[in-house]
Amino acid sequence: IYRNLVLQELLRTGIYFGKLEVNLPIHRSNLKAKDVAATVNLSESYFTIYFKTKTGQNFRDYVLNARTDLAKKLLLEQRLSISEIAYATGYQDYRSFSRAFKNVTGISPSDYQNR
């Protein structure tokens, strides 16, 4: 279930580097700018500047927002538990996910799901 949404989100969040499109695996818990930079053969510093120019956000905030958007979709579907959604969106545990989600949205995942 979540893999299809992850794939849709990755297609939406594709970033182009010349002719190379890089899809960001937002479901990976250890997603780092330096790893994506290495994938496209750029230095981390150049990549982060380029990324912000293209998206209007720094890499960390972009990933956080993309994960939150995906979590919102999954929460509204109500097919997965909140812990499963936490894992599917790149968090190691419910607590980290809940804290990040609330910081972005202002409400807890369970409150969002029950609206």
Protein backbone atom coordinates (compact mmCIF):
# COMPACT_ATOMS: atom_id res chain seq x y z
CA ILE A 1 0.00 0.00 0.00
CA TYR A 2 2.51 2.60 1.12
CA ARG A 3 4.99 1.61 -1.58
CA ASN A 4 2.65 2.90 -4.29
CA LEU A 5 2.29 6.20 -2.47
CA VAL A 6 6.03 6.35 -1.91
CA LEU A 7 6.59 5.80 -5.63
CA GLN A 8 4.05 8.48 -6.51
CA GLU A 9 5.72 10.87 -4.08
CA LEU A 10 9.15 10.07 -5.46
CA LEU A 11 7.95 10.82 -8.97
CA ARG A 12 6.55 14.12 -7.74
CA THR A 13 9.74 15.03 -5.89
CA GLY A 14 12.12 14.17 -8.71
CA ILE A 15 14.91 16.69 -9.02
CA TYR A 16 16.67 17.17 -12.35
CA PHE A 17 20.43 17.52 -12.60
CA GLY A 18 21.06 18.22 -16.26
CA LYS A 19 19.54 15.21 -18.00
CA LEU A 20 19.66 13.03 -14.88
CA GLU A 21 16.56 12.81 -12.72
CA VAL A 22 17.14 11.84 -9.12
CA ASN A 23 14.21 10.57 -7.11
CA LEU A 24 14.57 11.14 -3.42
CA PRO A 25 13.89 8.00 -1.38
CA ILE A 26 12.12 9.85 1.42
CA HIS A 27 11.24 6.55 3.09
CA ARG A 28 14.95 5.91 3.87
CA SER A 29 15.64 6.84 7.46
CA ASN A 30 19.24 7.79 6.79
CA LEU A 31 18.66 10.02 3.77
CA LYS A 32 21.45 12.59 3.70
CA ALA A 33 22.29 15.40 1.30
CA LYS A 34 25.84 14.09 0.94
CA ASP A 35 24.57 10.71 -0.31
CA VAL A 36 22.30 12.29 -2.91
CA ALA A 37 25.14 14.63 -3.91
CA ALA A 38 27.43 11.65 -4.43
CA THR A 39 24.76 9.99 -6.61
CA VAL A 40 24.85 12.94 -9.00
CA ASN A 41 28.61 13.47 -8.70
CA LEU A 42 28.41 16.84 -6.98
CA SER A 43 30.03 18.11 -3.83
CA GLU A 44 27.68 18.30 -0.88
CA SER A 45 28.01 22.08 -0.66
CA TYR A 46 27.25 22.62 -4.37
CA PHE A 47 24.36 20.16 -4.21
CA THR A 48 22.74 21.90 -1.24
CA ILE A 49 23.00 25.30 -2.96
CA TYR A 50 21.63 23.86 -6.22
CA PHE A 51 18.85 22.04 -4.38
CA LYS A 52 17.71 25.18 -2.58
CA THR A 53 17.78 27.13 -5.84
CA LYS A 54 15.61 24.51 -7.57
CA THR A 55 13.14 23.83 -4.75
CA GLY A 56 13.14 26.98 -2.63
CA GLN A 57 13.84 24.89 0.48
CA ASN A 58 16.91 23.47 2.09
CA PHE A 59 17.35 19.71 1.72
CA ARG A 60 16.43 18.83 5.31
CA ASP A 61 13.20 20.85 5.27
CA TYR A 62 12.27 19.49 1.85
CA VAL A 63 12.63 15.89 3.04
CA LEU A 64 10.74 16.65 6.26
CA ASN A 65 7.86 18.23 4.33
CA ALA A 66 7.76 15.42 1.76
CA ARG A 67 7.66 12.82 4.56
CA THR A 68 4.91 14.74 6.32
CA ASP A 69 2.85 15.02 3.12
CA LEU A 70 3.16 11.29 2.55
CA ALA A 71 2.27 10.58 6.19
CA LYS A 72 -0.87 12.73 5.86
CA LYS A 73 -2.03 10.68 2.88
CA LEU A 74 -1.38 7.41 4.68
CA LEU A 75 -3.06 8.59 7.87
CA LEU A 76 -6.21 9.54 5.99
CA GLU A 77 -6.33 6.14 4.28
CA GLN A 78 -6.38 4.47 7.71
CA ARG A 79 -4.99 1.20 6.32
CA LEU A 80 -1.76 1.23 8.34
CA SER A 81 -1.07 1.79 12.00
CA ILE A 82 0.68 4.99 12.96
CA SER A 83 3.81 3.00 13.78
CA GLU A 84 3.77 1.45 10.31
CA ILE A 85 3.34 4.90 8.79
CA ALA A 86 6.27 6.15 10.85
CA TYR A 87 8.47 3.40 9.45
CA ALA A 88 7.12 3.85 5.90
CA THR A 89 8.04 7.52 5.94
CA GLY A 90 11.60 7.02 7.14
CA TYR A 91 11.41 7.20 10.91
CA GLN A 92 12.94 4.61 13.20
CA ASP A 93 10.18 4.84 15.80
CA TYR A 94 6.76 6.28 16.55
CA ARG A 95 8.09 8.88 18.97
CA SER A 96 10.42 10.55 16.45
CA PHE A 97 7.71 10.48 13.80
CA SER A 98 5.09 11.93 16.11
CA ARG A 99 7.39 14.75 17.23
CA ALA A 100 8.37 15.67 13.65
CA PHE A 101 4.78 15.44 12.40
CA LYS A 102 3.49 17.68 15.18
CA ASN A 103 6.26 20.23 14.60
CA VAL A 104 5.23 20.55 10.95
CA THR A 105 1.43 20.31 11.23
CA GLY A 106 0.74 21.53 14.76
CA ILE A 107 -1.21 18.40 15.66
CA SER A 108 -0.35 14.81 16.50
CA PRO A 109 -0.66 12.03 13.90
CA SER A 110 -3.57 10.46 15.77
CA ASP A 111 -5.43 13.79 15.96
CA TYR A 112 -4.82 14.32 12.24
CA GLN A 113 -6.12 10.84 11.47
CA ASN A 114 -9.28 11.35 13.54
CA ARG A 115 -10.27 14.73 12.06
